[in-house]
Amino acid sequence: MSKESRKPFRITLARRIVQVFMAVLFCLPLLVAGWGLAGSFASTDVAAPTPAEGVFYGSLSSSSVLGVTILDPLAAAEVVAAAKTVSIGLLTGVLPVLVVYGLVRGRAFCGWVCPVNLLLEGLDWLRRKLGLRVAERTVPRRTKIGVAAGVVVLSALLSFPVFQAFSPIGAVNRGILFGAFSGLGVLAAIAVLELFWSRRVWCRSLCPLGGVYEALGRVGQVNVAIDHDACIHCGKCESACLADPEILQPALAGEDRIVRAGDCMACGACIDACPTGALAMSLGRR
């Protein structure tokens, strides 16, 4: 199949499937055990098995896979800062996440897994349907790295994991699973900002977990590559970019062959939007 005749939105469709699959995956242990969602329990006279006894159980903050604990790196950093001590369990829980996303691309979590990103893409669609126009870039994208550092410092000062108390990621994930909607107000505020003030301001500039994955993404091996001969500089990739159009500039200007910035989500939106097939996924940071 030629580049010009390739099916549009092929990566976006695959990403939607993965996003929905990840949301369902966390629900399965509860449902298989006969429990309900949103904090409900099995109402039978027969003792129901504990979901944690299965092969997989947990949330995006903390999960167990075949008895191995998997931890969100920011949540782990907050716990360490709050407790003022480091445990081997926390380190081993974070290591698989750092290795996987370090090899792939840090912010692939944001593009392919995070439920907040999925909701905000829905708001992108709604805003276009309503004809609402908002600013494209209002806060520098690297601000979220500082926010992540600030969250860890504040956790140390207050002796509890600050971001986990109001995380909008937790509002979606833990809310569906356990009925804990502590970050619902923050999620609603993000939705209002997204619709009426600035596109993607949370994901691009403010989310501390995104800041952690941005720093990790500087060594990712899955990258968007550009064929400079095929690029017609139509700007469609920049309009489609979920991370920040700024990260595409070095490649579009001919200064690089890949999108090297750690902010890239490897979401493929720019690739699907390109009318000439000048953009494609590649391995390595040549």
Protein backbone atom coordinates (compact mmCIF):
# COMPACT_ATOMS: atom_id res chain seq x y z
CA MET A 1 0.00 0.00 0.00
CA SER A 2 1.41 3.40 -0.94
CA LYS A 3 1.79 6.19 1.55
CA GLU A 4 -0.89 8.24 -0.22
CA SER A 5 -3.46 5.40 -0.14
CA ARG A 6 -2.91 4.26 3.44
CA LYS A 7 -5.98 4.17 5.66
CA PRO A 8 -6.42 7.35 7.73
CA PHE A 9 -6.42 7.29 11.53
CA ARG A 10 -4.95 3.80 11.67
CA ILE A 11 -2.75 4.54 14.71
CA THR A 12 -5.51 6.54 16.41
CA LEU A 13 -7.87 3.58 16.05
CA ALA A 14 -5.29 1.21 17.52
CA ARG A 15 -4.71 3.65 20.37
CA ARG A 16 -8.44 3.87 21.11
CA ILE A 17 -8.59 0.08 21.34
CA VAL A 18 -5.64 0.03 23.76
CA GLN A 19 -7.12 2.85 25.87
CA VAL A 20 -10.45 1.05 26.23
CA PHE A 21 -8.71 -2.27 26.83
CA MET A 22 -6.65 -0.78 29.66
CA ALA A 23 -9.77 0.66 31.28
CA VAL A 24 -11.53 -2.72 31.06
CA LEU A 25 -8.44 -4.62 32.21
CA PHE A 26 -8.46 -3.00 35.64
CA CYS A 27 -12.18 -3.81 36.01
CA LEU A 28 -11.85 -7.51 35.18
CA PRO A 29 -10.38 -8.76 38.50
CA LEU A 30 -13.33 -7.29 40.39
CA LEU A 31 -15.92 -8.62 37.96
CA VAL A 32 -14.34 -12.09 37.70
CA ALA A 33 -14.35 -12.36 41.50
CA GLY A 34 -18.07 -11.58 41.49
CA TRP A 35 -17.68 -8.11 42.95
CA GLY A 36 -19.16 -4.91 41.58
CA LEU A 37 -17.54 -1.69 40.42
CA ALA A 38 -17.44 1.71 42.11
CA GLY A 39 -16.88 0.19 45.53
CA SER A 40 -19.81 -2.25 45.53
CA PHE A 41 -19.44 -5.77 46.90
CA ALA A 42 -20.80 -9.17 46.11
CA SER A 43 -24.18 -9.63 47.84
CA THR A 44 -24.41 -13.39 48.20
CA ASP A 45 -24.46 -15.82 51.09
CA VAL A 46 -21.42 -17.58 49.61
CA ALA A 47 -18.07 -16.06 50.42
CA ALA A 48 -16.74 -14.25 47.36
CA PRO A 49 -13.03 -14.54 46.51
CA THR A 50 -10.85 -11.52 47.03
CA PRO A 51 -9.94 -9.87 43.68
CA ALA A 52 -6.38 -9.43 44.92
CA GLU A 53 -5.97 -13.22 44.93
CA GLY A 54 -6.00 -13.31 41.13
CA VAL A 55 -3.23 -12.95 38.56
CA PHE A 56 -3.71 -9.20 38.22
CA TYR A 57 -5.23 -6.60 40.51
CA GLY A 58 -4.90 -2.91 41.30
CA SER A 59 -5.10 0.56 39.83
CA LEU A 60 -2.85 2.81 37.77
CA SER A 61 -1.14 3.92 40.99
CA SER A 62 -0.38 0.46 42.36
CA SER A 63 -0.94 -2.98 40.84
CA SER A 64 0.10 -6.57 41.37
CA VAL A 65 0.93 -8.82 38.40
CA LEU A 66 1.71 -12.46 39.23
CA GLY A 67 2.63 -11.34 42.71
CA VAL A 68 4.98 -8.61 41.47
CA THR A 69 4.11 -5.10 42.62
CA ILE A 70 4.00 -2.40 39.92
CA LEU A 71 4.04 1.22 41.12
CA ASP A 72 3.45 4.62 39.59
CA PRO A 73 6.89 6.33 39.83
CA LEU A 74 5.47 9.66 41.00
CA ALA A 75 3.29 8.00 43.64
CA ALA A 76 6.32 6.05 44.86
CA ALA A 77 8.43 9.22 45.01
CA GLU A 78 5.70 10.94 47.01
CA VAL A 79 5.51 8.05 49.47
CA VAL A 80 9.28 8.02 49.91
CA ALA A 81 9.32 11.78 50.45
CA ALA A 82 6.41 11.63 52.90
CA ALA A 83 7.85 8.72 54.89
CA LYS A 84 11.42 10.07 54.74
CA THR A 85 12.65 6.56 54.05
CA VAL A 86 13.31 4.31 51.06
CA SER A 87 12.20 0.69 50.92
CA ILE A 88 13.36 -2.06 48.58
CA GLY A 89 9.72 -2.85 47.81
CA LEU A 90 9.12 0.63 46.43
CA LEU A 91 12.26 0.54 44.31
CA THR A 92 11.47 -2.86 42.82
CA GLY A 93 7.88 -1.76 42.17
CA VAL A 94 8.96 1.29 40.21
CA LEU A 95 11.73 -0.43 38.23
CA PRO A 96 9.49 -2.33 35.74
CA VAL A 97 7.63 0.86 34.89
CA LEU A 98 10.82 2.84 34.35
CA VAL A 99 12.33 0.10 32.19
CA VAL A 100 9.26 -0.40 29.97
CA TYR A 101 8.45 3.25 29.42
CA GLY A 102 12.13 4.14 29.27
CA LEU A 103 12.62 1.72 26.38
CA VAL A 104 9.41 2.67 24.57
CA ARG A 105 8.84 6.35 25.35
CA GLY A 106 7.90 7.86 28.69
CA ARG A 107 4.79 9.72 27.64
CA ALA A 108 3.42 6.72 25.78
CA PHE A 109 1.61 6.25 29.10
CA CYS A 110 -0.13 9.58 28.53
CA GLY A 111 -1.05 8.82 24.94
CA TRP A 112 -2.01 5.16 25.20
CA VAL A 113 -3.03 4.45 28.81
CA CYS A 114 -4.06 7.52 30.82
CA PRO A 115 -7.89 7.79 31.13
CA VAL A 116 -7.71 11.57 31.51
CA ASN A 117 -6.16 11.90 28.06
CA LEU A 118 -8.98 9.79 26.62
CA LEU A 119 -11.57 12.07 28.23
CA LEU A 120 -9.80 15.20 27.02
CA GLU A 121 -9.71 13.88 23.47
CA GLY A 122 -13.47 13.59 23.77
CA LEU A 123 -13.59 17.22 24.88
CA ASP A 124 -11.44 18.13 21.86
CA TRP A 125 -14.17 16.65 19.69
CA LEU A 126 -16.93 18.40 21.65
CA ARG A 127 -15.21 21.77 21.45
CA ARG A 128 -14.88 21.44 17.68
CA LYS A 129 -18.57 20.51 17.38
CA LEU A 130 -19.58 23.52 19.49
CA GLY A 131 -17.29 25.81 17.49
CA LEU A 132 -15.43 26.98 20.59
CA ARG A 133 -12.04 28.60 20.00
CA VAL A 134 -9.41 28.54 22.75
CA ALA A 135 -5.72 29.36 23.03
CA GLU A 136 -3.30 26.71 21.81
CA ARG A 137 -0.41 27.32 24.21
CA THR A 138 -0.80 29.30 27.44
CA VAL A 139 1.71 27.68 29.81
CA PRO A 140 5.23 26.44 28.89
CA ARG A 141 5.19 22.66 28.43
CA ARG A 142 8.16 22.06 30.75
CA THR A 143 6.24 23.58 33.67
CA LYS A 144 4.97 20.12 34.56
CA ILE A 145 8.49 18.97 35.46
CA GLY A 146 8.62 21.73 38.04
CA VAL A 147 5.13 20.79 39.23
CA ALA A 148 6.31 17.18 39.71
CA ALA A 149 9.30 18.35 41.75
CA GLY A 150 7.05 20.64 43.78
CA VAL A 151 4.63 17.80 44.51
CA VAL A 152 7.45 15.62 45.88
CA VAL A 153 8.82 18.47 48.02
CA LEU A 154 5.36 19.29 49.35
CA SER A 155 4.78 15.61 50.15
CA ALA A 156 7.95 15.67 52.23
CA LEU A 157 6.87 18.83 54.05
CA LEU A 158 3.33 17.63 54.78
CA SER A 159 4.25 13.96 55.33
CA PHE A 160 1.64 12.53 52.95
CA PRO A 161 1.52 11.95 49.16
CA VAL A 162 -0.05 15.22 48.05
CA PHE A 163 -0.88 14.57 44.40
CA GLN A 164 -2.50 11.22 45.13
CA ALA A 165 -5.07 13.03 47.25
CA PHE A 166 -6.50 14.96 44.28
CA SER A 167 -5.14 13.20 41.21
CA PRO A 168 -7.63 13.37 38.32
CA ILE A 169 -6.14 10.10 37.05
CA GLY A 170 -7.17 8.51 40.33
CA ALA A 171 -10.61 10.14 40.06
CA VAL A 172 -11.29 8.14 36.90
CA ASN A 173 -9.40 4.92 37.60
CA ARG A 174 -9.98 4.44 41.33
CA GLY A 175 -13.47 5.89 41.07
CA ILE A 176 -14.62 3.26 38.58
CA LEU A 177 -12.92 0.49 40.54
CA PHE A 178 -13.37 1.40 44.18
CA GLY A 179 -15.80 4.34 44.31
CA ALA A 180 -13.06 6.74 45.45
CA PHE A 181 -13.74 9.96 43.54
CA SER A 182 -11.43 12.24 45.53
CA GLY A 183 -10.05 13.95 42.41
CA LEU A 184 -13.39 14.47 40.66
CA GLY A 185 -13.43 18.21 41.37
CA VAL A 186 -9.99 18.63 39.83
CA LEU A 187 -11.09 16.64 36.79
CA ALA A 188 -14.13 18.88 36.39
CA ALA A 189 -11.92 21.98 36.62
CA ILE A 190 -9.61 20.54 33.96
CA ALA A 191 -12.61 19.94 31.69
CA VAL A 192 -13.74 23.57 32.08
CA LEU A 193 -10.23 24.86 31.30
CA GLU A 194 -10.03 22.54 28.31
CA LEU A 195 -13.33 23.72 26.85
CA PHE A 196 -13.11 27.44 27.47
CA TRP A 197 -9.52 28.55 28.14
CA SER A 198 -6.67 26.50 26.68
CA ARG A 199 -6.32 23.32 24.67
CA ARG A 200 -4.49 20.53 26.50
CA VAL A 201 -3.18 22.80 29.26
CA TRP A 202 -3.31 20.00 31.85
CA CYS A 203 -1.62 17.28 29.81
CA ARG A 204 0.84 19.59 28.10
CA SER A 205 1.88 21.81 30.95
CA LEU A 206 0.54 21.01 34.41
CA CYS A 207 0.24 17.26 35.05
CA PRO A 208 3.09 16.22 37.38
CA LEU A 209 2.97 12.59 36.24
CA GLY A 210 3.35 13.85 32.69
CA GLY A 211 6.41 15.77 33.90
CA VAL A 212 7.97 12.55 35.23
CA TYR A 213 7.33 10.76 31.95
CA GLU A 214 8.61 13.74 29.94
CA ALA A 215 11.97 13.46 31.70
CA LEU A 216 11.97 9.70 31.10
CA GLY A 217 10.94 10.16 27.46
CA ARG A 218 14.27 11.70 26.53
CA VAL A 219 15.69 8.20 26.08
CA GLY A 220 12.69 6.48 24.46
CA GLN A 221 13.34 4.29 21.44
CA VAL A 222 9.93 4.65 19.72
CA ASN A 223 9.97 7.92 17.83
CA VAL A 224 8.20 9.77 15.06
CA ALA A 225 10.51 10.04 12.04
CA ILE A 226 10.15 12.44 9.12
CA ASP A 227 10.85 12.08 5.41
CA HIS A 228 11.88 15.63 4.54
CA ASP A 229 11.41 15.03 0.82
CA ALA A 230 7.77 14.04 1.33
CA CYS A 231 6.87 16.84 3.77
CA ILE A 232 4.86 19.68 2.19
CA HIS A 233 4.74 21.81 5.39
CA CYS A 234 0.94 21.91 5.45
CA GLY A 235 0.80 22.24 9.24
CA LYS A 236 -1.73 19.43 9.71
CA CYS A 237 0.61 17.48 11.99
CA GLU A 238 1.02 20.50 14.25
CA SER A 239 -2.75 20.98 14.47
CA ALA A 240 -3.22 17.32 15.39
CA CYS A 241 -0.40 17.09 17.96
CA LEU A 242 -1.73 16.19 21.42
CA ALA A 243 1.53 16.96 23.23
CA ASP A 244 2.67 20.35 21.93
CA PRO A 245 3.21 21.49 18.31
CA GLU A 246 6.52 22.97 19.45
CA ILE A 247 8.12 19.52 19.69
CA LEU A 248 7.69 18.97 15.93
CA GLN A 249 9.61 22.10 14.92
CA PRO A 250 13.18 20.71 14.78
CA ALA A 251 12.06 17.86 12.51
CA LEU A 252 9.87 20.06 10.31
CA ALA A 253 12.66 22.62 9.96
CA GLY A 254 15.05 19.94 8.71
CA GLU A 255 17.24 20.07 11.81
CA ASP A 256 16.47 16.48 12.87
CA ARG A 257 15.11 13.23 11.43
CA ILE A 258 13.00 12.32 14.46
CA VAL A 259 10.83 14.06 17.06
CA ARG A 260 13.34 13.91 19.87
CA ALA A 261 11.57 15.84 22.64
CA GLY A 262 10.63 13.87 25.75
CA ASP A 263 7.14 15.37 25.53
CA CYS A 264 6.14 13.24 22.54
CA MET A 265 3.36 10.78 23.49
CA ALA A 266 3.99 8.49 20.50
CA CYS A 267 0.23 8.82 19.98
CA GLY A 268 0.50 8.84 16.19
CA ALA A 269 -1.97 11.72 15.76
CA CYS A 270 0.52 13.64 13.63
CA ILE A 271 1.20 10.55 11.49
CA ASP A 272 -2.50 9.98 10.85
CA ALA A 273 -2.99 13.66 9.99
CA CYS A 274 -0.12 13.81 7.47
CA PRO A 275 -1.56 13.78 3.91
CA THR A 276 1.67 12.64 2.22
CA GLY A 277 2.89 9.97 4.62
CA ALA A 278 5.98 11.99 5.49
CA LEU A 279 5.74 10.93 9.13
CA ALA A 280 6.08 7.39 10.46
CA MET A 281 6.98 5.52 13.65
CA SER A 282 10.60 4.41 13.90
CA LEU A 283 12.88 2.64 16.35
CA GLY A 284 16.08 4.16 17.70
CA ARG A 285 17.31 7.70 18.24
CA ARG A 286 19.57 8.01 15.23
